[in-house]
N, C-alpha and C. Protein backbone atom coordinates (compact mmCIF):
# COMPACT_ATOMS: atom_id res chain seq x y z
N MET A 1 52.21 4.82 -10.13
CA MET A 1 53.03 5.90 -9.61
C MET A 1 53.04 5.84 -8.10
N GLY A 2 54.19 6.11 -7.56
CA GLY A 2 54.29 6.11 -6.11
C GLY A 2 53.76 7.42 -5.55
N ASP A 3 53.56 7.41 -4.26
CA ASP A 3 53.04 8.60 -3.59
C ASP A 3 53.99 9.79 -3.74
N ASP A 4 55.30 9.52 -3.74
CA ASP A 4 56.27 10.60 -3.89
C ASP A 4 56.15 11.27 -5.25
N VAL A 5 55.98 10.48 -6.28
CA VAL A 5 55.85 11.02 -7.64
C VAL A 5 54.55 11.80 -7.77
N THR A 6 53.48 11.27 -7.21
CA THR A 6 52.19 11.96 -7.24
C THR A 6 52.28 13.29 -6.51
N ALA A 7 52.91 13.29 -5.35
CA ALA A 7 53.06 14.53 -4.58
C ALA A 7 53.89 15.54 -5.35
N LEU A 8 54.93 15.06 -6.02
CA LEU A 8 55.77 15.95 -6.81
C LEU A 8 54.99 16.55 -7.98
N LEU A 9 54.21 15.73 -8.66
CA LEU A 9 53.40 16.22 -9.78
C LEU A 9 52.36 17.25 -9.31
N VAL A 10 51.76 17.00 -8.17
CA VAL A 10 50.78 17.94 -7.62
C VAL A 10 51.47 19.26 -7.26
N ALA A 11 52.64 19.17 -6.65
CA ALA A 11 53.39 20.38 -6.29
C ALA A 11 53.78 21.16 -7.54
N LEU A 12 54.21 20.46 -8.56
CA LEU A 12 54.58 21.13 -9.81
C LEU A 12 53.37 21.77 -10.48
N ALA A 13 52.24 21.09 -10.44
CA ALA A 13 51.02 21.63 -11.04
C ALA A 13 50.59 22.90 -10.30
N ARG A 14 50.68 22.89 -8.97
CA ARG A 14 50.33 24.08 -8.19
C ARG A 14 51.27 25.23 -8.49
N GLU A 15 52.56 24.93 -8.54
CA GLU A 15 53.54 25.98 -8.83
C GLU A 15 53.32 26.54 -10.24
N ASN A 16 53.03 25.66 -11.17
CA ASN A 16 52.74 26.10 -12.54
C ASN A 16 51.52 27.02 -12.57
N ALA A 17 50.49 26.64 -11.85
CA ALA A 17 49.28 27.47 -11.80
C ALA A 17 49.59 28.83 -11.16
N ASP A 18 50.38 28.83 -10.11
CA ASP A 18 50.76 30.09 -9.46
C ASP A 18 51.57 30.97 -10.41
N LEU A 19 52.50 30.35 -11.12
CA LEU A 19 53.31 31.12 -12.06
C LEU A 19 52.48 31.66 -13.21
N ARG A 20 51.53 30.88 -13.67
CA ARG A 20 50.64 31.36 -14.74
C ARG A 20 49.81 32.56 -14.26
N GLU A 21 49.36 32.49 -13.02
CA GLU A 21 48.59 33.61 -12.46
C GLU A 21 49.47 34.86 -12.34
N GLN A 22 50.70 34.69 -11.89
CA GLN A 22 51.62 35.81 -11.79
C GLN A 22 51.92 36.40 -13.16
N LEU A 23 52.08 35.54 -14.14
CA LEU A 23 52.33 36.00 -15.51
C LEU A 23 51.15 36.79 -16.04
N ALA A 24 49.94 36.31 -15.79
CA ALA A 24 48.75 37.02 -16.24
C ALA A 24 48.66 38.40 -15.59
N LEU A 25 48.97 38.48 -14.29
CA LEU A 25 48.95 39.77 -13.61
C LEU A 25 50.02 40.70 -14.17
N ALA A 26 51.20 40.17 -14.43
CA ALA A 26 52.27 40.99 -15.00
C ALA A 26 51.90 41.48 -16.39
N GLN A 27 51.24 40.64 -17.19
CA GLN A 27 50.81 41.04 -18.52
C GLN A 27 49.76 42.15 -18.44
N ASP A 28 48.84 42.03 -17.49
CA ASP A 28 47.84 43.08 -17.30
C ASP A 28 48.50 44.40 -16.91
N MET A 29 49.46 44.32 -16.00
CA MET A 29 50.16 45.54 -15.58
C MET A 29 50.93 46.15 -16.75
N LEU A 30 51.53 45.31 -17.57
CA LEU A 30 52.27 45.79 -18.73
C LEU A 30 51.35 46.48 -19.72
N MET A 31 50.18 45.91 -19.94
CA MET A 31 49.21 46.53 -20.85
C MET A 31 48.76 47.89 -20.31
N GLU A 32 48.49 47.96 -19.01
CA GLU A 32 48.08 49.22 -18.41
C GLU A 32 49.19 50.26 -18.54
N THR A 33 50.43 49.83 -18.34
CA THR A 33 51.58 50.73 -18.47
C THR A 33 51.71 51.22 -19.91
N ALA A 34 51.52 50.34 -20.86
CA ALA A 34 51.62 50.72 -22.27
C ALA A 34 50.53 51.71 -22.64
N ILE A 35 49.32 51.49 -22.13
CA ILE A 35 48.21 52.42 -22.39
C ILE A 35 48.52 53.78 -21.77
N ASP A 36 49.00 53.77 -20.51
CA ASP A 36 49.35 55.03 -19.85
C ASP A 36 50.45 55.76 -20.62
N ALA A 37 51.44 55.01 -21.10
CA ALA A 37 52.53 55.62 -21.86
C ALA A 37 52.01 56.25 -23.15
N GLY A 38 51.10 55.56 -23.81
CA GLY A 38 50.51 56.11 -25.03
C GLY A 38 49.73 57.38 -24.75
N ASN A 39 48.98 57.38 -23.66
CA ASN A 39 48.22 58.58 -23.29
C ASN A 39 49.16 59.73 -22.96
N LEU A 40 50.22 59.44 -22.22
CA LEU A 40 51.19 60.49 -21.89
C LEU A 40 51.87 61.02 -23.15
N HIS A 41 52.19 60.15 -24.07
CA HIS A 41 52.81 60.57 -25.32
C HIS A 41 51.88 61.52 -26.08
N ALA A 42 50.61 61.17 -26.17
CA ALA A 42 49.64 62.03 -26.85
C ALA A 42 49.52 63.37 -26.14
N LEU A 43 49.52 63.35 -24.82
CA LEU A 43 49.42 64.59 -24.05
C LEU A 43 50.65 65.47 -24.27
N ILE A 44 51.82 64.86 -24.29
CA ILE A 44 53.05 65.63 -24.53
C ILE A 44 53.01 66.26 -25.93
N GLU A 45 52.56 65.51 -26.91
CA GLU A 45 52.47 66.07 -28.26
C GLU A 45 51.50 67.24 -28.29
N ALA A 46 50.37 67.13 -27.61
CA ALA A 46 49.39 68.22 -27.59
C ALA A 46 49.98 69.45 -26.90
N VAL A 47 50.71 69.25 -25.82
CA VAL A 47 51.33 70.38 -25.12
C VAL A 47 52.38 71.04 -26.00
N GLN A 48 53.13 70.23 -26.74
CA GLN A 48 54.15 70.80 -27.63
C GLN A 48 53.51 71.61 -28.74
N VAL A 49 52.40 71.14 -29.28
CA VAL A 49 51.68 71.90 -30.31
C VAL A 49 51.20 73.22 -29.73
N GLU A 50 50.65 73.17 -28.54
CA GLU A 50 50.17 74.40 -27.90
C GLU A 50 51.34 75.34 -27.61
N ARG A 51 52.45 74.79 -27.13
CA ARG A 51 53.64 75.61 -26.88
C ARG A 51 54.10 76.30 -28.15
N ASP A 52 54.14 75.55 -29.24
CA ASP A 52 54.58 76.13 -30.52
C ASP A 52 53.64 77.23 -30.97
N ALA A 53 52.35 77.05 -30.77
CA ALA A 53 51.38 78.08 -31.14
C ALA A 53 51.60 79.34 -30.31
N TRP A 54 51.81 79.18 -29.02
CA TRP A 54 52.07 80.34 -28.17
C TRP A 54 53.37 81.03 -28.57
N ARG A 55 54.37 80.24 -28.89
CA ARG A 55 55.66 80.81 -29.32
C ARG A 55 55.49 81.61 -30.61
N ASP A 56 54.76 81.04 -31.57
CA ASP A 56 54.51 81.75 -32.83
C ASP A 56 53.75 83.05 -32.58
N GLU A 57 52.76 82.98 -31.71
CA GLU A 57 51.98 84.18 -31.39
C GLU A 57 52.87 85.24 -30.72
N ALA A 58 53.74 84.82 -29.83
CA ALA A 58 54.64 85.77 -29.16
C ALA A 58 55.59 86.40 -30.17
N GLU A 59 56.08 85.61 -31.10
CA GLU A 59 56.97 86.15 -32.13
C GLU A 59 56.25 87.14 -33.03
N ARG A 60 55.00 86.86 -33.38
CA ARG A 60 54.21 87.78 -34.20
C ARG A 60 53.98 89.10 -33.47
N LEU A 61 53.62 89.00 -32.19
CA LEU A 61 53.40 90.22 -31.40
C LEU A 61 54.68 91.03 -31.26
N GLN A 62 55.78 90.34 -31.06
CA GLN A 62 57.07 91.03 -30.89
C GLN A 62 57.46 91.70 -32.21
N ALA A 63 57.22 91.05 -33.32
CA ALA A 63 57.55 91.62 -34.64
C ALA A 63 56.66 92.83 -34.92
N ARG A 64 55.42 92.78 -34.51
CA ARG A 64 54.51 93.89 -34.72
C ARG A 64 54.92 95.11 -33.92
N ARG A 65 55.45 94.87 -32.72
CA ARG A 65 55.88 95.97 -31.85
C ARG A 65 57.16 96.62 -32.36
N ALA A 66 57.97 95.84 -33.06
CA ALA A 66 59.26 96.36 -33.50
C ALA A 66 59.15 97.24 -34.72
């Protein structure tokens, strides 16, 4: 192999390694985002359950007053 081909292969190997590192970081960020989204979804569901309970309680109190 000539020096030009060797240099090209080394450059490609470095770029490949850089891209793999960027991909790994992006995958980590995606996993963190998915976990955060799951946590937020669970929190929203809990708040909705609490809201519904308060609404039911308010309706019961209003019916009792009427």
